[in-house]
Amino acid sequence: MLATQAHTLDALFHTLVQRAILNMGEYMGAAETYMKLALRAQSQCRSTWEALSAIRNPPMVGYVKQANIAHGHQQVNNADSNDARAGENEKPPNELLEQKHGSEWLDAGAAGEAGGADSKLEALDALDRATDT
């Protein structure tokens, strides 16, 4: 049906152009009207052919697995769940706080004394880093 419509609009375009050419010498108003109608028919013919082309050859639709949209800086990891599993990382996340060239922590400050503002709070015991990971 779209192909028939496109062929009909094309034939209408050619007929209107011929009438515009015949009226060019004596009746410029009629020639201008015929030419405007001809160009409208040509535009509709073009859009009909584009619609028919889109039906026969649909565009490729992208499949988005995950969309992370936020304001500011962020890191997006769109890996399969089989590729990145918890517990299989090569480096534990606390190594980011260590210096690369030594075994000292970046926080080199000494532990402070507990303040006297709230006497119910006490300082925590030191952790054994060899057994607590």
C-alpha atoms as a PDB file:
ATOM      1  CA  MET A   1       0.000   0.000   0.000  1.00  0.00           C
ATOM      2  CA  LEU A   2       2.875   2.390   0.798  1.00  0.00           C
ATOM      3  CA  ALA A   3       4.571   1.574  -2.502  1.00  0.00           C
ATOM      4  CA  THR A   4       1.353   2.362  -4.397  1.00  0.00           C
ATOM      5  CA  GLN A   5       1.018   5.633  -2.489  1.00  0.00           C
ATOM      6  CA  ALA A   6       4.615   6.574  -3.328  1.00  0.00           C
ATOM      7  CA  HIS A   7       4.122   5.836  -7.049  1.00  0.00           C
ATOM      8  CA  THR A   8       0.877   7.850  -7.087  1.00  0.00           C
ATOM      9  CA  LEU A   9       2.548  10.831  -5.411  1.00  0.00           C
ATOM     10  CA  ASP A  10       5.414  10.619  -7.913  1.00  0.00           C
ATOM     11  CA  ALA A  11       2.970  10.650 -10.846  1.00  0.00           C
ATOM     12  CA  LEU A  12       1.137  13.589  -9.265  1.00  0.00           C
ATOM     13  CA  PHE A  13       4.454  15.430  -8.917  1.00  0.00           C
ATOM     14  CA  HIS A  14       5.261  14.984 -12.612  1.00  0.00           C
ATOM     15  CA  THR A  15       1.752  16.081 -13.704  1.00  0.00           C
ATOM     16  CA  LEU A  16       1.888  19.218 -11.535  1.00  0.00           C
ATOM     17  CA  VAL A  17       5.358  20.124 -12.818  1.00  0.00           C
ATOM     18  CA  GLN A  18       4.113  19.819 -16.424  1.00  0.00           C
ATOM     19  CA  ARG A  19       1.164  22.114 -15.665  1.00  0.00           C
ATOM     20  CA  ALA A  20       3.511  24.610 -13.966  1.00  0.00           C
ATOM     21  CA  ILE A  21       5.728  24.647 -17.061  1.00  0.00           C
ATOM     22  CA  LEU A  22       2.737  25.196 -19.384  1.00  0.00           C
ATOM     23  CA  ASN A  23       1.571  28.202 -17.317  1.00  0.00           C
ATOM     24  CA  MET A  24       5.028  29.770 -16.987  1.00  0.00           C
ATOM     25  CA  GLY A  25       4.718  32.308 -19.777  1.00  0.00           C
ATOM     26  CA  GLU A  26       1.261  33.784 -19.254  1.00  0.00           C
ATOM     27  CA  TYR A  27      -0.012  32.934 -15.767  1.00  0.00           C
ATOM     28  CA  MET A  28       2.830  33.167 -13.247  1.00  0.00           C
ATOM     29  CA  GLY A  29       0.467  32.905 -10.254  1.00  0.00           C
ATOM     30  CA  ALA A  30      -0.924  29.601 -11.490  1.00  0.00           C
ATOM     31  CA  ALA A  31       2.572  28.340 -12.332  1.00  0.00           C
ATOM     32  CA  GLU A  32       3.740  29.183  -8.804  1.00  0.00           C
ATOM     33  CA  THR A  33       0.734  27.398  -7.256  1.00  0.00           C
ATOM     34  CA  TYR A  34       1.275  24.290  -9.399  1.00  0.00           C
ATOM     35  CA  MET A  35       4.980  24.254  -8.509  1.00  0.00           C
ATOM     36  CA  LYS A  36       4.256  24.524  -4.761  1.00  0.00           C
ATOM     37  CA  LEU A  37       1.798  21.628  -4.992  1.00  0.00           C
ATOM     38  CA  ALA A  38       4.311  19.623  -7.000  1.00  0.00           C
ATOM     39  CA  LEU A  39       7.025  20.125  -4.393  1.00  0.00           C
ATOM     40  CA  ARG A  40       4.629  19.124  -1.601  1.00  0.00           C
ATOM     41  CA  ALA A  41       3.760  15.929  -3.496  1.00  0.00           C
ATOM     42  CA  GLN A  42       7.466  15.217  -3.974  1.00  0.00           C
ATOM     43  CA  SER A  43       8.143  15.713  -0.247  1.00  0.00           C
ATOM     44  CA  GLN A  44       5.317  13.363   0.712  1.00  0.00           C
ATOM     45  CA  CYS A  45       6.597  10.830  -1.811  1.00  0.00           C
ATOM     46  CA  ARG A  46      10.050  10.966  -0.226  1.00  0.00           C
ATOM     47  CA  SER A  47       8.674  10.494   3.293  1.00  0.00           C
ATOM     48  CA  THR A  48       6.561   7.544   2.088  1.00  0.00           C
ATOM     49  CA  TRP A  49       9.650   5.856   0.604  1.00  0.00           C
ATOM     50  CA  GLU A  50      11.568   6.472   3.855  1.00  0.00           C
ATOM     51  CA  ALA A  51       8.755   4.879   5.876  1.00  0.00           C
ATOM     52  CA  LEU A  52       8.719   1.882   3.540  1.00  0.00           C
ATOM     53  CA  SER A  53      12.490   1.571   3.827  1.00  0.00           C
ATOM     54  CA  ALA A  54      12.314   1.698   7.631  1.00  0.00           C
ATOM     55  CA  ILE A  55       9.712  -1.076   7.637  1.00  0.00           C
ATOM     56  CA  ARG A  56      11.726  -3.335   5.335  1.00  0.00           C
ATOM     57  CA  ASN A  57      15.112  -2.579   6.943  1.00  0.00           C
ATOM     58  CA  PRO A  58      14.556  -1.793  10.617  1.00  0.00           C
ATOM     59  CA  PRO A  59      17.407   0.008  12.371  1.00  0.00           C
ATOM     60  CA  MET A  60      19.584  -1.934  14.782  1.00  0.00           C
ATOM     61  CA  VAL A  61      18.474  -1.367  18.346  1.00  0.00           C
ATOM     62  CA  GLY A  62      21.195  -1.344  20.986  1.00  0.00           C
ATOM     63  CA  TYR A  63      20.618  -3.475  24.067  1.00  0.00           C
ATOM     64  CA  VAL A  64      21.735  -1.687  27.214  1.00  0.00           C
ATOM     65  CA  LYS A  65      22.524  -4.021  30.092  1.00  0.00           C
ATOM     66  CA  GLN A  66      22.887  -1.328  32.728  1.00  0.00           C
ATOM     67  CA  ALA A  67      22.676   2.439  32.734  1.00  0.00           C
ATOM     68  CA  ASN A  68      24.216   4.279  35.648  1.00  0.00           C
ATOM     69  CA  ILE A  69      23.232   7.908  35.481  1.00  0.00           C
ATOM     70  CA  ALA A  70      24.328  10.206  38.284  1.00  0.00           C
ATOM     71  CA  HIS A  71      25.687  13.680  38.745  1.00  0.00           C
ATOM     72  CA  GLY A  72      29.396  13.883  39.393  1.00  0.00           C
ATOM     73  CA  HIS A  73      32.267  11.459  38.964  1.00  0.00           C
ATOM     74  CA  GLN A  74      31.615   7.746  39.125  1.00  0.00           C
ATOM     75  CA  GLN A  75      33.022   4.481  37.900  1.00  0.00           C
ATOM     76  CA  VAL A  76      30.732   2.176  35.925  1.00  0.00           C
ATOM     77  CA  ASN A  77      31.552  -1.525  35.736  1.00  0.00           C
ATOM     78  CA  ASN A  78      29.260  -3.279  33.271  1.00  0.00           C
ATOM     79  CA  ALA A  79      30.908  -6.686  33.443  1.00  0.00           C
ATOM     80  CA  ASP A  80      29.106 -10.010  33.468  1.00  0.00           C
ATOM     81  CA  SER A  81      28.382 -11.452  36.869  1.00  0.00           C
ATOM     82  CA  ASN A  82      30.568 -14.454  35.953  1.00  0.00           C
ATOM     83  CA  ASP A  83      33.589 -12.245  35.286  1.00  0.00           C
ATOM     84  CA  ALA A  84      33.694 -10.222  38.505  1.00  0.00           C
ATOM     85  CA  ARG A  85      32.778 -12.108  41.645  1.00  0.00           C
ATOM     86  CA  ALA A  86      33.255 -11.001  45.196  1.00  0.00           C
ATOM     87  CA  GLY A  87      36.224 -12.602  46.918  1.00  0.00           C
ATOM     88  CA  GLU A  88      38.214 -13.311  43.761  1.00  0.00           C
ATOM     89  CA  ASN A  89      40.077  -9.996  43.618  1.00  0.00           C
ATOM     90  CA  GLU A  90      43.834 -10.157  43.378  1.00  0.00           C
ATOM     91  CA  LYS A  91      44.365  -7.299  45.830  1.00  0.00           C
ATOM     92  CA  PRO A  92      42.254  -6.705  48.901  1.00  0.00           C
ATOM     93  CA  PRO A  93      40.700  -3.228  49.028  1.00  0.00           C
ATOM     94  CA  ASN A  94      42.677  -2.138  52.109  1.00  0.00           C
ATOM     95  CA  GLU A  95      45.935  -2.177  50.133  1.00  0.00           C
ATOM     96  CA  LEU A  96      44.878   1.095  48.584  1.00  0.00           C
ATOM     97  CA  LEU A  97      45.675   2.784  51.916  1.00  0.00           C
ATOM     98  CA  GLU A  98      49.216   1.436  52.086  1.00  0.00           C
ATOM     99  CA  GLN A  99      52.285   2.962  50.548  1.00  0.00           C
ATOM    100  CA  LYS A 100      53.601   1.115  47.510  1.00  0.00           C
ATOM    101  CA  HIS A 101      57.302   1.325  48.435  1.00  0.00           C
ATOM    102  CA  GLY A 102      57.092   0.264  52.063  1.00  0.00           C
ATOM    103  CA  SER A 103      54.945  -1.433  54.613  1.00  0.00           C
ATOM    104  CA  GLU A 104      54.066   1.717  56.569  1.00  0.00           C
ATOM    105  CA  TRP A 105      50.568   3.099  56.574  1.00  0.00           C
ATOM    106  CA  LEU A 106      49.898   6.508  55.114  1.00  0.00           C
ATOM    107  CA  ASP A 107      48.372   7.585  58.440  1.00  0.00           C
ATOM    108  CA  ALA A 108      51.591   7.973  60.450  1.00  0.00           C
ATOM    109  CA  GLY A 109      50.036   9.929  63.325  1.00  0.00           C
ATOM    110  CA  ALA A 110      50.125   8.547  66.865  1.00  0.00           C
ATOM    111  CA  ALA A 111      46.958   7.416  68.590  1.00  0.00           C
ATOM    112  CA  GLY A 112      45.392  10.285  70.525  1.00  0.00           C
ATOM    113  CA  GLU A 113      44.221  10.222  74.122  1.00  0.00           C
ATOM    114  CA  ALA A 114      40.521   9.939  74.877  1.00  0.00           C
ATOM    115  CA  GLY A 115      38.962  13.324  75.600  1.00  0.00           C
ATOM    116  CA  GLY A 116      37.259  14.139  78.875  1.00  0.00           C
ATOM    117  CA  ALA A 117      34.030  15.419  77.307  1.00  0.00           C
ATOM    118  CA  ASP A 118      32.226  12.044  77.483  1.00  0.00           C
ATOM    119  CA  SER A 119      33.537   9.749  80.199  1.00  0.00           C
ATOM    120  CA  LYS A 120      31.418   6.746  79.062  1.00  0.00           C
ATOM    121  CA  LEU A 121      33.465   6.310  75.868  1.00  0.00           C
ATOM    122  CA  GLU A 122      36.758   4.454  75.963  1.00  0.00           C
ATOM    123  CA  ALA A 123      39.463   3.874  73.385  1.00  0.00           C
ATOM    124  CA  LEU A 124      39.313   0.625  71.387  1.00  0.00           C
ATOM    125  CA  ASP A 125      41.888  -2.134  71.853  1.00  0.00           C
ATOM    126  CA  ALA A 126      44.564  -2.587  69.234  1.00  0.00           C
ATOM    127  CA  LEU A 127      43.749  -5.113  66.513  1.00  0.00           C
ATOM    128  CA  ASP A 128      45.985  -8.068  65.725  1.00  0.00           C
ATOM    129  CA  ARG A 129      46.456  -7.482  61.999  1.00  0.00           C
ATOM    130  CA  ALA A 130      47.986 -10.901  61.387  1.00  0.00           C
ATOM    131  CA  THR A 131      44.804 -12.767  62.352  1.00  0.00           C
ATOM    132  CA  ASP A 132      42.072 -10.148  61.695  1.00  0.00           C
ATOM    133  CA  THR A 133      41.782  -9.528  57.941  1.00  0.00           C
END
